[in-house]
N, C-alpha and C. Protein backbone atom coordinates (compact mmCIF):
# COMPACT_ATOMS: atom_id res chain seq x y z
N UNK A 1 -38.95 -39.00 25.22
CA UNK A 1 -39.94 -38.96 24.87
C UNK A 1 -41.18 -37.66 25.18
N UNK A 2 -40.89 -37.46 26.55
CA UNK A 2 -41.82 -36.14 27.26
C UNK A 2 -41.10 -35.27 26.19
N UNK A 3 -40.02 -35.01 26.57
CA UNK A 3 -39.15 -33.55 26.15
C UNK A 3 -39.82 -33.70 24.79
N UNK A 4 -39.74 -34.22 23.43
CA UNK A 4 -39.78 -34.24 22.35
C UNK A 4 -41.67 -33.96 22.43
N UNK A 5 -42.40 -34.86 23.38
CA UNK A 5 -43.83 -34.43 22.72
C UNK A 5 -44.52 -32.96 23.47
N UNK A 6 -43.81 -32.74 24.63
CA UNK A 6 -44.06 -31.52 25.41
C UNK A 6 -43.07 -29.95 24.31
N UNK A 7 -42.40 -30.14 23.56
CA UNK A 7 -41.55 -28.66 22.81
C UNK A 7 -42.72 -28.56 22.02
N UNK A 8 -43.32 -28.79 21.44
CA UNK A 8 -43.98 -28.07 20.28
C UNK A 8 -44.76 -27.25 20.91
N UNK A 9 -45.56 -27.66 22.16
CA UNK A 9 -46.50 -26.49 22.95
C UNK A 9 -45.24 -25.01 23.08
N UNK A 10 -44.05 -25.32 23.69
CA UNK A 10 -43.26 -24.40 24.30
C UNK A 10 -42.53 -23.78 23.71
N UNK A 11 -42.69 -25.04 22.21
CA UNK A 11 -41.79 -23.87 21.14
C UNK A 11 -42.66 -22.56 20.77
N UNK A 12 -43.76 -22.90 20.49
CA UNK A 12 -44.89 -22.55 19.51
C UNK A 12 -45.75 -20.91 20.94
N UNK A 13 -45.35 -20.90 21.74
CA UNK A 13 -45.47 -20.11 22.77
C UNK A 13 -44.70 -19.39 22.56
N UNK A 14 -43.18 -20.04 22.88
CA UNK A 14 -41.58 -18.75 22.52
C UNK A 14 -42.30 -17.90 21.06
N UNK A 15 -42.92 -18.97 20.34
CA UNK A 15 -43.05 -17.44 19.24
C UNK A 15 -43.71 -16.50 19.23
N UNK A 16 -45.07 -16.84 19.86
CA UNK A 16 -46.03 -16.55 20.12
C UNK A 16 -45.68 -15.21 20.81
N UNK A 17 -44.95 -15.47 22.21
CA UNK A 17 -44.15 -14.04 22.73
C UNK A 17 -43.62 -13.79 22.70
N UNK A 18 -42.48 -13.91 21.28
CA UNK A 18 -41.66 -12.72 20.74
C UNK A 18 -42.59 -12.34 19.99
N UNK A 19 -43.53 -12.86 19.12
CA UNK A 19 -44.40 -11.80 17.94
C UNK A 19 -45.46 -11.11 19.11
N UNK A 20 -45.35 -11.27 20.10
CA UNK A 20 -46.64 -10.39 20.61
C UNK A 20 -45.58 -9.51 21.20
N UNK A 21 -44.77 -9.32 21.06
CA UNK A 21 -43.78 -8.55 21.93
C UNK A 21 -43.42 -6.70 21.16
N UNK A 22 -43.25 -5.90 22.35
CA UNK A 22 -43.62 -4.29 21.41
C UNK A 22 -42.27 -4.39 21.26
N UNK A 23 -41.17 -4.35 21.52
CA UNK A 23 -40.32 -4.10 21.77
C UNK A 23 -39.85 -4.04 20.24
N UNK A 24 -40.18 -4.99 18.91
CA UNK A 24 -39.75 -4.86 18.16
C UNK A 24 -38.62 -6.17 17.89
N UNK A 25 -38.83 -7.64 18.28
CA UNK A 25 -37.56 -8.39 18.12
C UNK A 25 -38.42 -9.87 17.64
N UNK A 26 -39.40 -9.34 16.32
CA UNK A 26 -39.79 -9.74 15.78
C UNK A 26 -39.13 -10.98 15.42
N UNK A 27 -37.60 -10.23 14.32
CA UNK A 27 -36.93 -10.88 14.12
C UNK A 27 -35.75 -12.47 14.52
N UNK A 28 -36.27 -12.27 16.30
CA UNK A 28 -36.31 -13.29 16.34
C UNK A 28 -36.58 -14.33 16.10
N UNK A 29 -38.08 -14.22 15.77
CA UNK A 29 -38.57 -15.62 15.75
C UNK A 29 -38.20 -16.98 15.08
N UNK A 30 -37.90 -16.13 13.66
CA UNK A 30 -37.36 -17.69 12.78
C UNK A 30 -35.75 -18.38 13.38
N UNK A 31 -35.49 -17.51 13.75
CA UNK A 31 -34.09 -18.16 14.44
C UNK A 31 -33.81 -19.07 15.95
N UNK A 32 -35.10 -18.64 16.91
CA UNK A 32 -35.88 -19.29 18.05
C UNK A 32 -35.63 -20.75 17.50
N UNK A 33 -37.32 -20.51 16.83
CA UNK A 33 -37.22 -21.59 15.94
C UNK A 33 -36.81 -22.76 15.75
N UNK A 34 -35.96 -21.98 14.26
CA UNK A 34 -34.98 -22.95 14.04
C UNK A 34 -33.58 -23.92 15.67
N UNK A 35 -33.55 -23.11 15.42
CA UNK A 35 -32.72 -23.34 17.22
C UNK A 35 -33.39 -24.28 17.90
N UNK A 36 -34.45 -24.12 17.89
CA UNK A 36 -35.73 -25.65 18.89
C UNK A 36 -35.92 -26.31 18.29
N UNK A 37 -35.68 -25.84 16.70
CA UNK A 37 -36.09 -27.69 16.41
C UNK A 37 -34.76 -28.42 15.49
N UNK A 38 -33.80 -27.75 15.59
CA UNK A 38 -32.20 -28.34 15.90
C UNK A 38 -31.71 -29.27 17.06
N UNK A 39 -32.40 -28.76 18.06
CA UNK A 39 -31.76 -29.18 19.19
C UNK A 39 -32.89 -30.29 19.44
N UNK A 40 -34.29 -29.98 18.86
CA UNK A 40 -35.43 -31.76 19.02
C UNK A 40 -34.47 -32.29 18.37
N UNK A 41 -34.32 -31.93 17.31
CA UNK A 41 -33.08 -33.36 16.01
C UNK A 41 -32.03 -33.86 16.79
N UNK A 42 -31.20 -32.77 17.19
CA UNK A 42 -30.44 -33.86 18.27
C UNK A 42 -31.01 -34.12 19.43
N UNK A 43 -31.42 -33.84 20.08
CA UNK A 43 -32.27 -34.77 21.02
C UNK A 43 -32.79 -36.57 20.31
N UNK A 44 -33.23 -36.77 19.58
CA UNK A 44 -34.05 -37.21 18.70
C UNK A 44 -32.77 -38.22 18.68
N UNK A 45 -31.65 -38.07 18.09
CA UNK A 45 -30.36 -38.13 17.48
C UNK A 45 -29.22 -39.14 18.52
N UNK A 46 -29.84 -38.36 19.61
CA UNK A 46 -29.09 -39.23 20.54
C UNK A 46 -30.45 -40.47 21.21
N UNK A 47 -31.57 -40.16 21.30
CA UNK A 47 -32.53 -41.25 21.79
C UNK A 47 -32.11 -42.46 21.07
N UNK A 48 -32.34 -42.16 19.14
CA UNK A 48 -32.44 -43.35 18.47
C UNK A 48 -30.91 -43.74 17.94
N UNK A 49 -30.32 -44.91 18.76
CA UNK A 49 -28.59 -44.85 18.34
C UNK A 49 -28.57 -44.51 17.06
N UNK A 50 -30.02 -46.22 16.08
CA UNK A 50 -29.57 -45.88 14.71
C UNK A 50 -29.38 -45.13 13.31
N UNK A 51 -30.07 -43.94 13.76
CA UNK A 51 -30.08 -42.99 13.56
C UNK A 51 -28.92 -41.86 13.83
N UNK A 52 -28.70 -41.55 14.89
CA UNK A 52 -26.93 -40.96 15.51
C UNK A 52 -26.25 -40.58 14.03
N UNK A 53 -25.04 -41.86 13.73
CA UNK A 53 -24.56 -41.44 12.75
C UNK A 53 -25.24 -41.02 11.49
N UNK A 54 -25.90 -41.01 10.68
CA UNK A 54 -26.75 -40.43 9.54
C UNK A 54 -27.03 -38.68 9.79
N UNK A 55 -28.04 -38.59 11.13
CA UNK A 55 -28.19 -37.02 11.39
C UNK A 55 -26.48 -35.99 11.94
N UNK A 56 -25.61 -36.67 12.32
CA UNK A 56 -24.16 -36.22 12.50
C UNK A 56 -23.62 -35.93 11.07
N UNK A 57 -23.26 -37.13 10.52
CA UNK A 57 -23.11 -36.62 8.65
C UNK A 57 -23.50 -35.51 8.94
N UNK A 58 -24.48 -35.51 8.44
CA UNK A 58 -25.33 -33.91 7.17
C UNK A 58 -25.14 -33.23 8.07
N UNK A 59 -24.57 -32.62 9.49
CA UNK A 59 -24.12 -31.74 10.43
C UNK A 59 -22.63 -31.74 10.37
């Protein structure tokens, strides 16, 4: 649960860092946020075993 609680700030920091980057990597922001949120969903699915079959069935 600590991982899930601290992930919001980390995702925000990553998005802000990519957005402010001068090298034109702003196109990476949606991809990075999507992958981080997808990872959180998978972590949540493994910690709550009753949800795992439903989440895995979607993907």
